[in-house]
């Protein structure tokens, strides 16, 4: 008897099922987006900073040797 729904109950059940499915799909696709983006940004900033320091040191050394 509990399995027989009215039309309204069936429509609400379908909407809730679709909503839960959409939430599950969204979490599956984008659940790691922010941590992944943060990790990528930190790696890029670290790499760029290291490259800038190395390049700056090299140019400074070359400029210092030419002034002697």
N, C-alpha and C. Protein backbone atom coordinates (compact mmCIF):
# COMPACT_ATOMS: atom_id res chain seq x y z
N UNK A 1 0.82 -1.18 0.00
CA UNK A 1 0.00 0.00 0.00
C UNK A 1 0.87 1.26 0.00
N UNK A 2 2.02 1.17 0.64
CA UNK A 2 2.88 2.34 0.72
C UNK A 2 3.55 2.64 -0.61
N UNK A 3 3.56 1.68 -1.55
CA UNK A 3 4.19 1.88 -2.84
C UNK A 3 3.30 2.63 -3.82
N UNK A 4 2.06 2.81 -3.51
CA UNK A 4 1.15 3.50 -4.41
C UNK A 4 1.15 4.99 -4.08
N UNK A 5 1.65 5.77 -5.02
CA UNK A 5 1.74 7.22 -4.83
C UNK A 5 0.65 7.91 -5.63
N UNK A 6 0.26 9.06 -5.15
CA UNK A 6 -0.63 9.89 -5.94
C UNK A 6 0.21 10.56 -7.02
N UNK A 7 -0.44 11.21 -7.95
CA UNK A 7 0.27 11.87 -9.04
C UNK A 7 1.21 12.95 -8.51
N UNK A 8 0.76 13.70 -7.55
CA UNK A 8 1.59 14.75 -6.97
C UNK A 8 2.78 14.18 -6.23
N UNK A 9 2.57 13.11 -5.47
CA UNK A 9 3.67 12.48 -4.75
C UNK A 9 4.69 11.89 -5.72
N UNK A 10 4.22 11.32 -6.82
CA UNK A 10 5.10 10.76 -7.82
C UNK A 10 5.93 11.86 -8.48
N UNK A 11 5.30 12.99 -8.76
CA UNK A 11 6.01 14.12 -9.38
C UNK A 11 7.07 14.66 -8.43
N UNK A 12 6.73 14.80 -7.16
CA UNK A 12 7.69 15.28 -6.17
C UNK A 12 8.84 14.28 -6.02
N UNK A 13 8.53 13.01 -6.01
CA UNK A 13 9.56 11.98 -5.92
C UNK A 13 10.50 12.04 -7.11
N UNK A 14 9.97 12.25 -8.30
CA UNK A 14 10.79 12.36 -9.51
C UNK A 14 11.69 13.60 -9.45
N UNK A 15 11.14 14.70 -8.99
CA UNK A 15 11.93 15.93 -8.88
C UNK A 15 13.06 15.76 -7.87
N UNK A 16 12.75 15.17 -6.73
CA UNK A 16 13.78 14.93 -5.71
C UNK A 16 14.85 13.97 -6.21
N UNK A 17 14.44 12.94 -6.93
CA UNK A 17 15.40 11.99 -7.48
C UNK A 17 16.33 12.69 -8.48
N UNK A 18 15.75 13.53 -9.36
CA UNK A 18 16.55 14.27 -10.34
C UNK A 18 17.49 15.25 -9.65
N UNK A 19 17.03 15.89 -8.59
CA UNK A 19 17.85 16.84 -7.85
C UNK A 19 19.03 16.14 -7.18
N UNK A 20 18.78 15.02 -6.56
CA UNK A 20 19.86 14.25 -5.91
C UNK A 20 20.85 13.76 -6.96
N UNK A 21 20.35 13.31 -8.09
CA UNK A 21 21.22 12.84 -9.17
C UNK A 21 22.07 13.98 -9.72
N UNK A 22 21.48 15.15 -9.90
CA UNK A 22 22.24 16.31 -10.38
C UNK A 22 23.30 16.72 -9.38
N UNK A 23 22.98 16.69 -8.10
CA UNK A 23 23.95 17.03 -7.05
C UNK A 23 25.11 16.04 -7.05
N UNK A 24 24.79 14.78 -7.19
CA UNK A 24 25.83 13.74 -7.21
C UNK A 24 26.74 13.92 -8.43
N UNK A 25 26.14 14.21 -9.57
CA UNK A 25 26.92 14.43 -10.79
C UNK A 25 27.82 15.66 -10.65
N UNK A 26 27.28 16.74 -10.12
CA UNK A 26 28.06 17.96 -9.93
C UNK A 26 29.22 17.71 -8.98
N UNK A 27 28.97 17.03 -7.89
CA UNK A 27 30.04 16.73 -6.93
C UNK A 27 31.10 15.84 -7.55
N UNK A 28 30.68 14.91 -8.37
CA UNK A 28 31.62 14.02 -9.03
C UNK A 28 32.50 14.77 -10.02
N UNK A 29 31.91 15.71 -10.75
CA UNK A 29 32.65 16.44 -11.77
C UNK A 29 33.48 17.59 -11.21
N UNK A 30 32.97 18.31 -10.23
CA UNK A 30 33.61 19.53 -9.77
C UNK A 30 33.97 19.54 -8.30
N UNK A 31 33.87 18.42 -7.64
CA UNK A 31 34.14 18.37 -6.20
C UNK A 31 35.57 18.72 -5.84
N UNK A 32 36.52 18.40 -6.71
CA UNK A 32 37.93 18.67 -6.45
C UNK A 32 38.44 19.91 -7.17
N UNK A 33 37.54 20.70 -7.73
CA UNK A 33 37.96 21.84 -8.56
C UNK A 33 38.72 22.89 -7.75
N UNK A 34 38.22 23.29 -6.61
CA UNK A 34 38.86 24.35 -5.83
C UNK A 34 40.19 23.89 -5.25
N UNK A 35 40.27 22.72 -4.60
CA UNK A 35 41.60 22.28 -4.13
C UNK A 35 42.60 22.10 -5.27
N UNK A 36 42.14 21.62 -6.41
CA UNK A 36 43.03 21.44 -7.56
C UNK A 36 43.51 22.78 -8.09
N UNK A 37 42.61 23.74 -8.16
CA UNK A 37 42.97 25.08 -8.62
C UNK A 37 43.95 25.74 -7.67
N UNK A 38 43.73 25.60 -6.38
CA UNK A 38 44.63 26.17 -5.37
C UNK A 38 46.01 25.54 -5.48
N UNK A 39 46.07 24.22 -5.61
CA UNK A 39 47.34 23.51 -5.74
C UNK A 39 48.09 23.97 -6.99
N UNK A 40 47.38 24.10 -8.09
CA UNK A 40 47.98 24.53 -9.35
C UNK A 40 48.51 25.96 -9.25
N UNK A 41 47.74 26.83 -8.62
CA UNK A 41 48.16 28.22 -8.47
C UNK A 41 49.41 28.33 -7.61
N UNK A 42 49.47 27.60 -6.52
CA UNK A 42 50.64 27.63 -5.64
C UNK A 42 51.87 27.10 -6.38
N UNK A 43 51.71 26.04 -7.15
CA UNK A 43 52.83 25.49 -7.92
C UNK A 43 53.33 26.49 -8.95
N UNK A 44 52.41 27.15 -9.64
CA UNK A 44 52.81 28.11 -10.66
C UNK A 44 53.51 29.33 -10.05
N UNK A 45 53.00 29.81 -8.93
CA UNK A 45 53.63 30.95 -8.27
C UNK A 45 55.03 30.57 -7.77
N UNK A 46 55.17 29.39 -7.21
CA UNK A 46 56.47 28.93 -6.73
C UNK A 46 57.47 28.79 -7.88
N UNK A 47 57.04 28.20 -8.97
CA UNK A 47 57.91 28.04 -10.13
C UNK A 47 58.32 29.38 -10.72
N UNK A 48 57.37 30.29 -10.83
CA UNK A 48 57.67 31.61 -11.39
C UNK A 48 58.61 32.39 -10.48
N UNK A 49 58.41 32.30 -9.19
CA UNK A 49 59.30 32.99 -8.24
C UNK A 49 60.71 32.43 -8.32
N UNK A 50 60.84 31.13 -8.36
CA UNK A 50 62.16 30.50 -8.45
C UNK A 50 62.86 30.89 -9.75
N UNK A 51 62.12 30.87 -10.85
CA UNK A 51 62.71 31.25 -12.14
C UNK A 51 63.13 32.71 -12.13
N UNK A 52 62.34 33.57 -11.53
CA UNK A 52 62.68 34.99 -11.43
C UNK A 52 63.93 35.22 -10.60
N UNK A 53 64.05 34.51 -9.49
CA UNK A 53 65.23 34.65 -8.65
C UNK A 53 66.49 34.17 -9.37
N UNK A 54 66.39 33.04 -10.06
CA UNK A 54 67.54 32.52 -10.79
C UNK A 54 67.92 33.47 -11.92
N UNK A 55 66.96 33.92 -12.68
CA UNK A 55 67.24 34.83 -13.79
C UNK A 55 67.77 36.17 -13.28
N UNK A 56 67.21 36.68 -12.21
CA UNK A 56 67.70 37.93 -11.63
C UNK A 56 69.12 37.81 -11.12
N UNK A 57 69.41 36.68 -10.47
CA UNK A 57 70.78 36.45 -10.00
C UNK A 57 71.77 36.35 -11.14
N UNK A 58 71.37 35.68 -12.20
CA UNK A 58 72.24 35.54 -13.38
C UNK A 58 72.50 36.89 -14.03
N UNK A 59 71.46 37.66 -14.23
CA UNK A 59 71.62 38.99 -14.84
C UNK A 59 72.44 39.89 -13.93
N UNK A 60 72.21 39.82 -12.63
CA UNK A 60 73.00 40.62 -11.69
C UNK A 60 74.47 40.24 -11.71
N UNK A 61 74.74 38.95 -11.81
CA UNK A 61 76.13 38.48 -11.87
C UNK A 61 76.80 38.96 -13.14
N UNK A 62 76.11 38.84 -14.26
CA UNK A 62 76.67 39.29 -15.54
C UNK A 62 76.91 40.79 -15.52
N UNK A 63 75.95 41.55 -14.99
CA UNK A 63 76.12 43.00 -14.92
C UNK A 63 77.26 43.37 -13.98
N UNK A 64 77.40 42.65 -12.89
CA UNK A 64 78.49 42.92 -11.94
C UNK A 64 79.84 42.61 -12.52
N UNK A 65 79.97 41.56 -13.31
CA UNK A 65 81.23 41.20 -13.93
C UNK A 65 81.62 42.18 -15.03
N UNK A 66 80.66 42.74 -15.72
CA UNK A 66 80.95 43.68 -16.80
C UNK A 66 81.39 45.03 -16.26
N UNK A 67 81.00 45.38 -15.05
CA UNK A 67 81.38 46.68 -14.48
C UNK A 67 82.78 46.69 -13.95
N UNK A 68 83.35 45.56 -13.74
CA UNK A 68 84.73 45.50 -13.20
C UNK A 68 85.70 45.97 -14.18
